[in-house]
Amino acid sequence: MIEPIVSREQVRYTGRFDFSQPEGPQFAWSGSSIAISFKGTEVRALLKPVQSGMADNWVNIVIDDQEPVPVKIDKENSYLLALNLANEVHTVEIFKRTEPMVGELQFMGFELPEGAELLEPPSRHEHKIEIIGDSITAGYGNEAASIEDGFQASQENHYLAYGPIAARSLNAELIALAWSGKGMYQNYGGVRDIQMPELYRRTLPSRSESSWDFHSRVPDVVVINLGTNDFSVDTIDPSQYVAEYKRFVEFIRTNYPDAHLFCTIGPMNRKPAEFIEGIVSELNRAGDERIYFYEFPPQNVEKNGVGGDWHPSLKTHAIMAELLAAEIKNKLGW
């Protein structure tokens, strides 16, 4: 085997990675992606769980942009990603399909056999999108067999959530920041411990000391989809939600002054819509012409099915992706 391949000059990393460990980077957010190009017949990767929140972390392996293959990462191991390929040029991508509450992973390198040839890493996409959300954005239960399944990590496939589908259709790089149950002002059930505006600041969201460098990869578009959990209880004071939302937008604007912001909601809970629309209208009047409101239509359970715990089905995610991509194209001309 060739020495494990891990350097940033040889590997394309997409998403938030902590490179402080000499063995290799750690990552947690959904959709974190690691890719190389090579000429050869097989490829392996060294991976291990770091924080085993639920000891059930999953990635998708994508070879040459073909159908993803799910792999469970439950121990430190050299995982076989592909075997008996034609001896020609290939790309391989490791895509984290589960969200950070399931736990962190560490990547210690791709392994290629003797005789294989490492090539320049896959090129980056022209556009860059960042999406911030909760369980809907993470893809909670989108592969569930039953509405009563509850959360099962093996049934959460972020690759087929609306954000990644929309990004692929727009030829855009995506950084997703999503955690089930989290809100803008308060979390599901009215709990106020750590909300998304705080987690958003972190590279590894379970670690308070892990700060993200917002200048490292500046997006063209930021999509915010937060409020479903805030309004999961009727006791919420909407003014608190509005105030926190404005603070969060201001924080994003400070870091990304030229980005286009899409403030969205839906399709499970539409109660926040009027407040988000009001915030966007106020900011438009104040001179911010690069912030927009978009409300996803409610999910049609009878027609399109439903995922675990009433979350969007694969079909609903596909519909949401088409709508979001169309909205971005309409506003930006992509």
Protein backbone atom coordinates (compact mmCIF):
# COMPACT_ATOMS: atom_id res chain seq x y z
CA MET A 1 0.00 0.00 0.00
CA ILE A 2 1.03 3.59 -0.67
CA GLU A 3 1.44 5.76 2.45
CA PRO A 4 -2.05 6.98 3.59
CA ILE A 5 -3.10 10.12 1.71
CA VAL A 6 -4.40 12.89 3.96
CA SER A 7 -2.79 16.24 3.06
CA ARG A 8 -4.93 19.16 1.95
CA GLU A 9 -2.86 19.47 -1.24
CA GLN A 10 -3.86 15.95 -2.28
CA VAL A 11 -7.38 15.68 -0.86
CA ARG A 12 -10.43 17.89 -1.44
CA TYR A 13 -12.11 18.63 1.89
CA THR A 14 -15.58 20.21 1.77
CA GLY A 15 -17.21 21.37 4.99
CA ARG A 16 -15.83 22.06 8.45
CA PHE A 17 -12.79 20.01 9.51
CA ASP A 18 -10.54 20.32 12.54
CA PHE A 19 -6.95 19.74 11.37
CA SER A 20 -5.34 20.08 14.82
CA GLN A 21 -4.64 16.35 15.20
CA PRO A 22 -1.52 15.05 13.41
CA GLU A 23 -3.15 11.71 12.53
CA GLY A 24 -5.83 13.39 10.44
CA PRO A 25 -8.80 15.79 10.54
CA GLN A 26 -11.92 15.36 12.67
CA PHE A 27 -15.39 16.27 11.45
CA ALA A 28 -19.00 16.10 12.62
CA TRP A 29 -21.40 18.17 10.49
CA SER A 30 -23.71 16.48 7.98
CA GLY A 31 -22.38 16.47 4.44
CA SER A 32 -18.72 16.87 5.39
CA SER A 33 -16.97 15.48 2.33
CA ILE A 34 -13.51 14.04 1.56
CA ALA A 35 -12.52 13.24 -2.03
CA ILE A 36 -9.57 12.28 -4.24
CA SER A 37 -8.93 11.37 -7.86
CA PHE A 38 -6.73 8.38 -8.70
CA LYS A 39 -5.93 5.85 -11.37
CA GLY A 40 -6.24 2.30 -10.08
CA THR A 41 -8.52 -0.62 -9.27
CA GLU A 42 -9.25 -0.22 -5.54
CA VAL A 43 -9.24 2.25 -2.68
CA ARG A 44 -9.57 2.07 1.09
CA ALA A 45 -9.82 4.70 3.85
CA LEU A 46 -8.73 4.83 7.47
CA LEU A 47 -11.63 6.11 9.61
CA LYS A 48 -12.71 5.94 13.24
CA PRO A 49 -15.38 7.33 15.57
CA VAL A 50 -14.14 10.01 17.95
CA GLN A 51 -17.22 10.96 19.96
CA SER A 52 -19.62 8.07 19.77
CA GLY A 53 -22.77 9.94 20.74
CA MET A 54 -24.94 7.08 19.50
CA ALA A 55 -22.20 4.73 18.24
CA ASP A 56 -24.00 4.61 14.90
CA ASN A 57 -22.28 6.98 12.50
CA TRP A 58 -22.73 6.55 8.76
CA VAL A 59 -21.07 7.83 5.60
CA ASN A 60 -21.90 7.46 1.93
CA ILE A 61 -19.21 6.28 -0.47
CA VAL A 62 -19.58 7.80 -3.93
CA ILE A 63 -17.45 6.38 -6.74
CA ASP A 64 -17.39 8.32 -10.02
CA ASP A 65 -20.61 10.16 -9.08
CA GLN A 66 -22.53 6.90 -9.13
CA GLU A 67 -25.19 5.72 -6.62
CA PRO A 68 -23.91 6.22 -3.06
CA VAL A 69 -23.19 3.18 -0.90
CA PRO A 70 -23.79 3.56 2.88
CA VAL A 71 -21.06 2.40 5.27
CA LYS A 72 -21.31 2.30 9.06
CA ILE A 73 -18.23 3.68 10.85
CA ASP A 74 -18.34 2.03 14.27
CA LYS A 75 -14.66 1.30 14.98
CA GLU A 76 -11.16 2.28 13.89
CA ASN A 77 -10.58 0.39 10.69
CA SER A 78 -9.29 0.39 7.14
CA TYR A 79 -12.59 0.46 5.26
CA LEU A 80 -12.74 -0.96 1.72
CA LEU A 81 -14.43 1.67 -0.44
CA ALA A 82 -14.11 0.08 -3.89
CA LEU A 83 -12.62 -3.08 -5.37
CA ASN A 84 -12.11 -4.47 -8.89
CA LEU A 85 -12.52 -1.13 -10.63
CA ALA A 86 -11.35 -0.71 -14.21
CA ASN A 87 -7.72 0.42 -14.16
CA GLU A 88 -8.51 3.97 -15.19
CA VAL A 89 -9.17 7.38 -13.63
CA HIS A 90 -11.73 7.43 -10.77
CA THR A 91 -12.98 9.80 -8.11
CA VAL A 92 -13.99 8.64 -4.65
CA GLU A 93 -15.90 10.73 -2.10
CA ILE A 94 -16.63 10.04 1.56
CA PHE A 95 -19.80 11.96 2.47
CA LYS A 96 -21.04 12.11 6.09
CA ARG A 97 -24.73 11.21 5.95
CA THR A 98 -25.47 11.47 9.69
CA GLU A 99 -25.65 14.61 11.81
CA PRO A 100 -23.30 15.76 14.60
CA MET A 101 -25.45 14.55 17.51
CA VAL A 102 -24.56 11.02 16.37
CA GLY A 103 -20.88 11.76 16.94
CA GLU A 104 -17.61 12.86 15.37
CA LEU A 105 -15.39 10.96 12.97
CA GLN A 106 -11.67 11.14 12.23
CA PHE A 107 -10.14 10.56 8.80
CA MET A 108 -6.57 9.23 8.74
CA GLY A 109 -6.09 8.89 5.01
CA PHE A 110 -6.99 7.16 1.77
CA GLU A 111 -5.06 3.97 1.01
CA LEU A 112 -4.14 3.02 -2.55
CA PRO A 113 -2.35 -0.19 -3.58
CA GLU A 114 1.12 -0.25 -5.13
CA GLY A 115 0.91 0.71 -8.77
CA ALA A 116 -2.04 3.08 -8.32
CA GLU A 117 -1.51 6.71 -9.29
CA LEU A 118 -2.74 9.62 -7.19
CA LEU A 119 -3.96 12.53 -9.32
CA GLU A 120 -4.88 16.15 -8.68
CA PRO A 121 -7.88 16.33 -6.31
CA PRO A 122 -11.33 16.84 -7.87
CA SER A 123 -11.95 20.46 -8.81
CA ARG A 124 -14.16 22.63 -6.65
CA HIS A 125 -17.57 23.79 -7.81
CA GLU A 126 -18.12 27.27 -9.16
CA HIS A 127 -20.69 28.35 -6.56
CA LYS A 128 -20.72 28.01 -2.76
CA ILE A 129 -23.81 27.56 -0.58
CA GLU A 130 -24.12 27.37 3.19
CA ILE A 131 -27.32 26.04 4.75
CA ILE A 132 -28.26 26.29 8.43
CA GLY A 133 -31.09 24.22 9.86
CA ASP A 134 -32.47 21.51 12.08
CA SER A 135 -33.69 17.94 11.58
CA ILE A 136 -35.39 18.79 8.28
CA THR A 137 -32.12 20.05 6.83
CA ALA A 138 -30.18 17.10 8.29
CA GLY A 139 -32.52 14.59 6.62
CA TYR A 140 -33.93 13.09 9.82
CA GLY A 141 -35.93 9.95 9.02
CA ASN A 142 -36.01 10.52 5.27
CA GLU A 143 -35.30 6.81 4.68
CA ALA A 144 -37.56 5.59 7.48
CA ALA A 145 -39.81 2.65 6.73
CA SER A 146 -42.50 3.93 9.10
CA ILE A 147 -43.62 7.20 10.60
CA GLU A 148 -43.26 5.52 14.01
CA ASP A 149 -39.58 4.59 13.60
CA GLY A 150 -38.30 7.54 15.61
CA PHE A 151 -34.68 8.57 15.13
CA GLN A 152 -32.43 5.89 13.67
CA ALA A 153 -29.08 7.02 12.35
CA SER A 154 -29.13 4.42 9.58
CA GLN A 155 -32.32 6.04 8.21
CA GLU A 156 -30.90 9.57 8.05
CA ASN A 157 -29.41 10.22 4.60
CA HIS A 158 -28.24 13.80 4.28
CA TYR A 159 -27.08 13.12 0.72
CA LEU A 160 -30.76 12.91 -0.26
CA ALA A 161 -31.92 15.86 1.86
CA TYR A 162 -33.12 18.98 0.05
CA GLY A 163 -29.92 21.01 0.54
CA PRO A 164 -27.42 18.62 -1.09
CA ILE A 165 -29.84 17.79 -3.91
CA ALA A 166 -30.34 21.49 -4.65
CA ALA A 167 -26.59 22.15 -4.48
CA ARG A 168 -25.81 19.36 -6.95
CA SER A 169 -28.42 20.67 -9.37
CA LEU A 170 -26.82 24.13 -9.14
CA ASN A 171 -23.26 22.80 -9.51
CA ALA A 172 -22.53 24.29 -6.10
CA GLU A 173 -20.38 23.32 -3.16
CA LEU A 174 -22.44 22.94 0.01
CA ILE A 175 -21.57 23.35 3.68
CA ALA A 176 -24.48 22.16 5.81
CA LEU A 177 -24.86 23.02 9.51
CA ALA A 178 -27.83 21.14 10.91
CA TRP A 179 -28.75 19.51 14.22
CA SER A 180 -32.09 17.89 15.03
CA GLY A 181 -34.26 19.63 17.59
CA LYS A 182 -32.33 22.90 17.50
CA GLY A 183 -33.88 26.32 17.08
CA MET A 184 -33.03 29.98 16.72
CA TYR A 185 -34.19 31.17 20.16
CA GLN A 186 -35.20 27.88 21.78
CA ASN A 187 -35.02 24.20 20.90
CA TYR A 188 -37.73 21.58 20.51
CA GLY A 189 -40.19 21.58 23.42
CA GLY A 190 -39.10 25.03 24.60
CA VAL A 191 -35.70 23.87 25.90
CA ARG A 192 -33.07 26.60 26.04
CA ASP A 193 -29.62 25.02 26.36
CA ILE A 194 -27.51 25.51 23.23
CA GLN A 195 -29.25 26.80 20.11
CA MET A 196 -28.04 26.85 16.51
CA PRO A 197 -26.61 30.42 16.57
CA GLU A 198 -24.07 29.16 19.12
CA LEU A 199 -23.36 25.82 17.39
CA TYR A 200 -22.97 27.67 14.10
CA ARG A 201 -19.79 29.29 15.41
CA ARG A 202 -18.05 25.93 15.92
CA THR A 203 -16.00 23.63 13.70
CA LEU A 204 -16.87 20.62 15.90
CA PRO A 205 -20.25 21.61 17.35
CA SER A 206 -20.07 19.41 20.46
CA ARG A 207 -16.96 21.30 21.62
CA SER A 208 -17.38 24.83 22.93
CA GLU A 209 -13.69 25.62 22.32
CA SER A 210 -13.82 24.62 18.64
CA SER A 211 -14.13 27.91 16.71
CA TRP A 212 -14.71 28.15 12.96
CA ASP A 213 -12.73 30.55 10.77
CA PHE A 214 -15.44 32.36 8.80
CA HIS A 215 -12.90 33.73 6.33
CA SER A 216 -11.69 30.32 5.20
CA ARG A 217 -14.44 29.67 2.65
CA VAL A 218 -16.95 32.47 2.06
CA PRO A 219 -20.29 31.35 0.54
CA ASP A 220 -22.19 33.10 -2.23
CA VAL A 221 -25.51 32.01 -0.70
CA VAL A 222 -26.61 31.35 2.89
CA VAL A 223 -29.91 29.52 3.49
CA ILE A 224 -31.46 29.72 6.98
CA ASN A 225 -34.22 27.26 7.88
CA LEU A 226 -34.79 27.69 11.62
CA GLY A 227 -38.02 28.14 13.54
CA THR A 228 -39.77 24.79 13.32
CA ASN A 229 -38.51 23.82 16.77
CA ASP A 230 -38.84 27.32 18.26
CA PHE A 231 -42.59 27.17 17.60
CA SER A 232 -43.05 23.55 18.68
CA VAL A 233 -44.71 24.92 21.84
CA ASP A 234 -47.30 27.69 22.14
CA THR A 235 -45.55 29.35 25.08
CA ILE A 236 -42.93 31.02 22.90
CA ASP A 237 -42.71 34.82 22.89
CA PRO A 238 -42.37 35.64 19.16
CA SER A 239 -40.53 38.86 19.96
CA GLN A 240 -37.69 36.84 21.49
CA TYR A 241 -37.48 34.71 18.34
CA VAL A 242 -37.48 37.82 16.13
CA ALA A 243 -34.76 39.49 18.21
CA GLU A 244 -32.53 36.42 18.10
CA TYR A 245 -33.14 35.99 14.37
CA LYS A 246 -32.05 39.59 13.74
CA ARG A 247 -28.89 39.10 15.85
CA PHE A 248 -28.06 35.97 13.90
CA VAL A 249 -28.54 37.66 10.53
CA GLU A 250 -26.34 40.52 11.71
CA PHE A 251 -23.63 38.02 12.70
CA ILE A 252 -23.81 36.36 9.27
CA ARG A 253 -23.72 39.75 7.54
CA THR A 254 -20.61 40.71 9.53
CA ASN A 255 -18.80 37.64 8.22
CA TYR A 256 -20.36 37.46 4.75
CA PRO A 257 -21.24 41.05 3.75
CA ASP A 258 -21.82 40.20 0.08
CA ALA A 259 -23.67 36.88 0.44
CA HIS A 260 -27.27 36.41 -0.63
CA LEU A 261 -29.38 35.31 2.36
CA PHE A 262 -32.46 33.15 1.87
CA CYS A 263 -34.59 33.05 5.04
CA THR A 264 -36.83 30.01 4.67
CA ILE A 265 -39.27 27.92 6.69
CA GLY A 266 -41.27 24.75 6.23
CA PRO A 267 -42.66 22.30 5.40
CA MET A 268 -43.61 20.94 8.87
CA ASN A 269 -44.47 24.06 10.86
CA ARG A 270 -45.50 27.32 9.22
CA LYS A 271 -46.06 29.38 12.38
CA PRO A 272 -42.72 31.24 12.10
CA ALA A 273 -43.42 32.37 8.51
CA GLU A 274 -45.06 35.72 9.30
CA PHE A 275 -42.25 36.69 11.67
CA ILE A 276 -39.46 35.73 9.24
CA GLU A 277 -41.21 37.56 6.41
CA GLY A 278 -41.49 40.64 8.64
CA ILE A 279 -37.77 40.53 9.48
CA VAL A 280 -36.82 40.28 5.80
CA SER A 281 -39.16 43.13 4.84
CA GLU A 282 -37.69 45.33 7.57
CA LEU A 283 -34.12 44.60 6.44
CA ASN A 284 -35.06 45.23 2.80
CA ARG A 285 -36.44 48.64 3.78
CA ALA A 286 -33.23 49.34 5.69
CA GLY A 287 -31.25 48.81 2.49
CA ASP A 288 -30.28 45.13 2.47
CA GLU A 289 -31.24 44.03 -1.04
CA ARG A 290 -29.56 40.63 -0.74
CA ILE A 291 -31.91 39.04 1.78
CA TYR A 292 -35.06 37.16 0.74
CA PHE A 293 -37.94 35.25 2.31
CA TYR A 294 -39.09 31.89 0.98
CA GLU A 295 -41.75 29.61 2.46
CA PHE A 296 -41.72 25.96 1.47
CA PRO A 297 -45.21 24.55 0.89
CA PRO A 298 -46.53 22.15 3.56
CA GLN A 299 -45.68 18.52 3.00
CA ASN A 300 -48.41 16.51 1.29
CA VAL A 301 -48.32 13.33 3.35
CA GLU A 302 -51.10 11.61 1.41
CA LYS A 303 -49.44 12.21 -1.95
CA ASN A 304 -45.71 12.12 -1.14
CA GLY A 305 -45.50 9.99 1.99
CA VAL A 306 -43.75 10.91 5.21
CA GLY A 307 -40.54 10.02 7.01
CA GLY A 308 -39.85 9.14 10.63
CA ASP A 309 -41.66 11.23 13.26
CA TRP A 310 -43.56 13.14 10.58
CA HIS A 311 -40.40 14.43 8.92
CA PRO A 312 -40.23 14.97 5.15
CA SER A 313 -39.98 11.89 2.96
CA LEU A 314 -37.41 11.43 0.21
CA LYS A 315 -40.01 12.62 -2.27
CA THR A 316 -40.75 15.77 -0.27
CA HIS A 317 -37.02 16.51 0.01
CA ALA A 318 -36.72 16.21 -3.78
CA ILE A 319 -39.60 18.67 -4.20
CA MET A 320 -38.05 21.10 -1.71
CA ALA A 321 -34.71 20.86 -3.50
CA GLU A 322 -36.28 21.74 -6.85
CA LEU A 323 -38.08 24.72 -5.33
CA LEU A 324 -35.00 26.02 -3.52
CA ALA A 325 -32.79 25.65 -6.58
CA ALA A 326 -35.36 27.49 -8.69
CA GLU A 327 -35.56 30.32 -6.14
CA ILE A 328 -31.77 30.72 -6.08
CA LYS A 329 -31.59 30.64 -9.88
CA ASN A 330 -34.34 33.24 -10.09
CA LYS A 331 -32.64 35.64 -7.69
CA LEU A 332 -29.00 35.14 -8.73
CA GLY A 333 -29.23 34.05 -12.37
CA TRP A 334 -27.20 30.88 -11.85
